[in-house]
Amino acid sequence: MELISLGFGAAAWASGLYAFIDRRWPITSSMDHTGQAGFRANGGAPHVDQVPHLTLGILPAALAMAALT
């Protein structure tokens, strides 16, 4: 039962963070504040947003599930 609830929790975490990141304003704001406005203006945001998808969304969810299986 714990594994099922962990699976649902991991899926909720990953999908919720995915929806937040895909709003694009967190990515474009961080790019503007770190000196990457030129890259953003040339279409770089869709490439940059893959990093938080993997490091903040999928990786923690996968590690949490792996730790308890």
N, C-alpha and C. Protein backbone atom coordinates (compact mmCIF):
# COMPACT_ATOMS: atom_id res chain seq x y z
N MET A 1 0.83 -1.21 0.00
CA MET A 1 0.00 0.00 0.00
C MET A 1 0.86 1.26 0.00
N GLU A 2 1.98 1.20 0.74
CA GLU A 2 2.86 2.36 0.80
C GLU A 2 3.47 2.66 -0.57
N LEU A 3 3.78 1.62 -1.31
CA LEU A 3 4.37 1.81 -2.63
C LEU A 3 3.38 2.48 -3.59
N ILE A 4 2.11 2.12 -3.48
CA ILE A 4 1.09 2.73 -4.34
C ILE A 4 0.95 4.21 -4.02
N SER A 5 0.88 4.55 -2.73
CA SER A 5 0.75 5.96 -2.37
C SER A 5 2.02 6.74 -2.75
N LEU A 6 3.18 6.10 -2.64
CA LEU A 6 4.41 6.75 -3.08
C LEU A 6 4.40 6.99 -4.58
N GLY A 7 3.89 6.03 -5.33
CA GLY A 7 3.79 6.20 -6.78
C GLY A 7 2.88 7.35 -7.15
N PHE A 8 1.74 7.45 -6.46
CA PHE A 8 0.84 8.57 -6.71
C PHE A 8 1.46 9.89 -6.29
N GLY A 9 2.16 9.90 -5.18
CA GLY A 9 2.83 11.12 -4.73
C GLY A 9 3.92 11.56 -5.69
N ALA A 10 4.70 10.61 -6.18
CA ALA A 10 5.77 10.93 -7.13
C ALA A 10 5.18 11.45 -8.43
N ALA A 11 4.09 10.84 -8.89
CA ALA A 11 3.45 11.30 -10.12
C ALA A 11 2.86 12.70 -9.93
N ALA A 12 2.27 12.94 -8.76
CA ALA A 12 1.71 14.27 -8.49
C ALA A 12 2.82 15.33 -8.42
N TRP A 13 3.93 14.99 -7.77
CA TRP A 13 5.06 15.92 -7.70
C TRP A 13 5.58 16.26 -9.10
N ALA A 14 5.85 15.23 -9.89
CA ALA A 14 6.43 15.45 -11.21
C ALA A 14 5.47 16.22 -12.13
N SER A 15 4.18 15.85 -12.09
CA SER A 15 3.23 16.53 -12.98
C SER A 15 2.94 17.96 -12.51
N GLY A 16 2.87 18.17 -11.21
CA GLY A 16 2.65 19.53 -10.70
C GLY A 16 3.81 20.45 -11.02
N LEU A 17 5.02 19.96 -10.84
CA LEU A 17 6.19 20.76 -11.18
C LEU A 17 6.29 20.98 -12.68
N TYR A 18 5.93 19.98 -13.44
CA TYR A 18 5.93 20.11 -14.89
C TYR A 18 4.99 21.23 -15.33
N ALA A 19 3.80 21.27 -14.73
CA ALA A 19 2.83 22.31 -15.08
C ALA A 19 3.34 23.69 -14.68
N PHE A 20 4.00 23.78 -13.52
CA PHE A 20 4.54 25.07 -13.07
C PHE A 20 5.64 25.56 -13.99
N ILE A 21 6.57 24.66 -14.35
CA ILE A 21 7.69 25.05 -15.21
C ILE A 21 7.19 25.43 -16.60
N ASP A 22 6.18 24.73 -17.09
CA ASP A 22 5.69 25.02 -18.43
C ASP A 22 4.90 26.31 -18.54
N ARG A 23 4.71 27.00 -17.44
CA ARG A 23 4.14 28.34 -17.51
C ARG A 23 5.12 29.29 -18.19
N ARG A 24 6.37 28.91 -18.22
CA ARG A 24 7.49 29.61 -18.83
C ARG A 24 7.94 30.86 -18.08
N TRP A 25 7.09 31.48 -17.25
CA TRP A 25 7.57 32.69 -16.58
C TRP A 25 8.67 32.39 -15.58
N PRO A 26 8.69 31.23 -14.89
CA PRO A 26 9.84 31.00 -14.00
C PRO A 26 11.15 30.87 -14.79
N ILE A 27 11.08 30.25 -15.94
CA ILE A 27 12.28 30.05 -16.75
C ILE A 27 12.74 31.37 -17.37
N THR A 28 11.80 32.09 -17.98
CA THR A 28 12.19 33.35 -18.62
C THR A 28 12.66 34.37 -17.59
N SER A 29 12.05 34.38 -16.41
CA SER A 29 12.50 35.29 -15.36
C SER A 29 13.91 34.96 -14.91
N SER A 30 14.19 33.68 -14.69
CA SER A 30 15.54 33.31 -14.26
C SER A 30 16.56 33.57 -15.36
N MET A 31 16.17 33.39 -16.62
CA MET A 31 17.09 33.68 -17.72
C MET A 31 17.38 35.18 -17.80
N ASP A 32 16.37 36.00 -17.59
CA ASP A 32 16.57 37.46 -17.62
C ASP A 32 17.48 37.92 -16.48
N HIS A 33 17.34 37.29 -15.31
CA HIS A 33 18.12 37.71 -14.15
C HIS A 33 19.53 37.13 -14.12
N THR A 34 19.82 36.19 -14.99
CA THR A 34 21.17 35.61 -15.02
C THR A 34 21.94 35.98 -16.28
N GLY A 35 21.45 36.97 -17.00
CA GLY A 35 22.19 37.46 -18.16
C GLY A 35 21.97 36.65 -19.43
N GLN A 36 20.90 35.90 -19.50
CA GLN A 36 20.63 35.08 -20.68
C GLN A 36 19.45 35.59 -21.50
N ALA A 37 19.16 36.88 -21.40
CA ALA A 37 18.01 37.45 -22.11
C ALA A 37 18.16 37.31 -23.63
N GLY A 38 19.37 37.41 -24.13
CA GLY A 38 19.59 37.26 -25.57
C GLY A 38 19.28 35.86 -26.05
N PHE A 39 19.70 34.86 -25.27
CA PHE A 39 19.41 33.47 -25.61
C PHE A 39 17.90 33.21 -25.54
N ARG A 40 17.25 33.78 -24.53
CA ARG A 40 15.79 33.64 -24.39
C ARG A 40 15.08 34.28 -25.58
N ALA A 41 15.54 35.46 -25.99
CA ALA A 41 14.91 36.16 -27.11
C ALA A 41 15.05 35.40 -28.43
N ASN A 42 16.07 34.57 -28.53
CA ASN A 42 16.28 33.78 -29.74
C ASN A 42 15.70 32.38 -29.63
N GLY A 43 14.79 32.16 -28.69
CA GLY A 43 14.11 30.88 -28.60
C GLY A 43 14.78 29.86 -27.70
N GLY A 44 15.54 30.29 -26.72
CA GLY A 44 16.27 29.35 -25.86
C GLY A 44 15.49 28.79 -24.69
N ALA A 45 14.36 29.43 -24.33
CA ALA A 45 13.62 28.98 -23.14
C ALA A 45 13.15 27.53 -23.23
N PRO A 46 12.65 27.04 -24.36
CA PRO A 46 12.24 25.63 -24.40
C PRO A 46 13.40 24.66 -24.16
N HIS A 47 14.61 25.07 -24.47
CA HIS A 47 15.76 24.21 -24.23
C HIS A 47 16.19 24.26 -22.76
N VAL A 48 16.15 25.46 -22.20
CA VAL A 48 16.58 25.64 -20.82
C VAL A 48 15.60 25.00 -19.85
N ASP A 49 14.32 24.95 -20.18
CA ASP A 49 13.35 24.42 -19.22
C ASP A 49 13.44 22.90 -19.06
N GLN A 50 14.23 22.24 -19.88
CA GLN A 50 14.40 20.80 -19.72
C GLN A 50 15.21 20.46 -18.48
N VAL A 51 16.12 21.33 -18.09
CA VAL A 51 16.96 21.07 -16.92
C VAL A 51 16.12 20.97 -15.64
N PRO A 52 15.25 21.96 -15.32
CA PRO A 52 14.45 21.78 -14.10
C PRO A 52 13.44 20.64 -14.21
N HIS A 53 12.97 20.33 -15.42
CA HIS A 53 12.07 19.18 -15.55
C HIS A 53 12.76 17.91 -15.06
N LEU A 54 14.02 17.76 -15.44
CA LEU A 54 14.74 16.54 -15.07
C LEU A 54 15.26 16.59 -13.64
N THR A 55 15.91 17.70 -13.25
CA THR A 55 16.58 17.73 -11.95
C THR A 55 15.63 17.99 -10.78
N LEU A 56 14.56 18.71 -11.00
CA LEU A 56 13.63 19.01 -9.90
C LEU A 56 12.37 18.15 -9.93
N GLY A 57 12.04 17.60 -11.08
CA GLY A 57 10.80 16.84 -11.19
C GLY A 57 11.01 15.35 -11.27
N ILE A 58 11.61 14.89 -12.34
CA ILE A 58 11.70 13.46 -12.59
C ILE A 58 12.72 12.78 -11.68
N LEU A 59 13.89 13.36 -11.52
CA LEU A 59 14.94 12.73 -10.72
C LEU A 59 14.53 12.52 -9.25
N PRO A 60 14.01 13.53 -8.54
CA PRO A 60 13.59 13.28 -7.16
C PRO A 60 12.46 12.25 -7.05
N ALA A 61 11.54 12.28 -7.99
CA ALA A 61 10.46 11.30 -7.96
C ALA A 61 10.99 9.90 -8.18
N ALA A 62 11.92 9.73 -9.10
CA ALA A 62 12.50 8.42 -9.37
C ALA A 62 13.33 7.94 -8.17
N LEU A 63 14.10 8.83 -7.57
CA LEU A 63 14.92 8.44 -6.42
C LEU A 63 14.05 8.07 -5.22
N ALA A 64 12.97 8.80 -5.01
CA ALA A 64 12.06 8.47 -3.90
C ALA A 64 11.44 7.09 -4.10
N MET A 65 11.05 6.81 -5.31
CA MET A 65 10.45 5.49 -5.57
C MET A 65 11.50 4.39 -5.46
N ALA A 66 12.71 4.65 -5.93
CA ALA A 66 13.76 3.64 -5.85
C ALA A 66 14.20 3.37 -4.42
N ALA A 67 14.15 4.39 -3.58
CA ALA A 67 14.58 4.22 -2.20
C ALA A 67 13.64 3.33 -1.40
N LEU A 68 12.40 3.30 -1.76
CA LEU A 68 11.42 2.53 -1.00
C LEU A 68 10.99 1.23 -1.67
N THR A 69 11.64 0.87 -2.74
CA THR A 69 11.26 -0.40 -3.39
C THR A 69 12.27 -1.48 -3.08
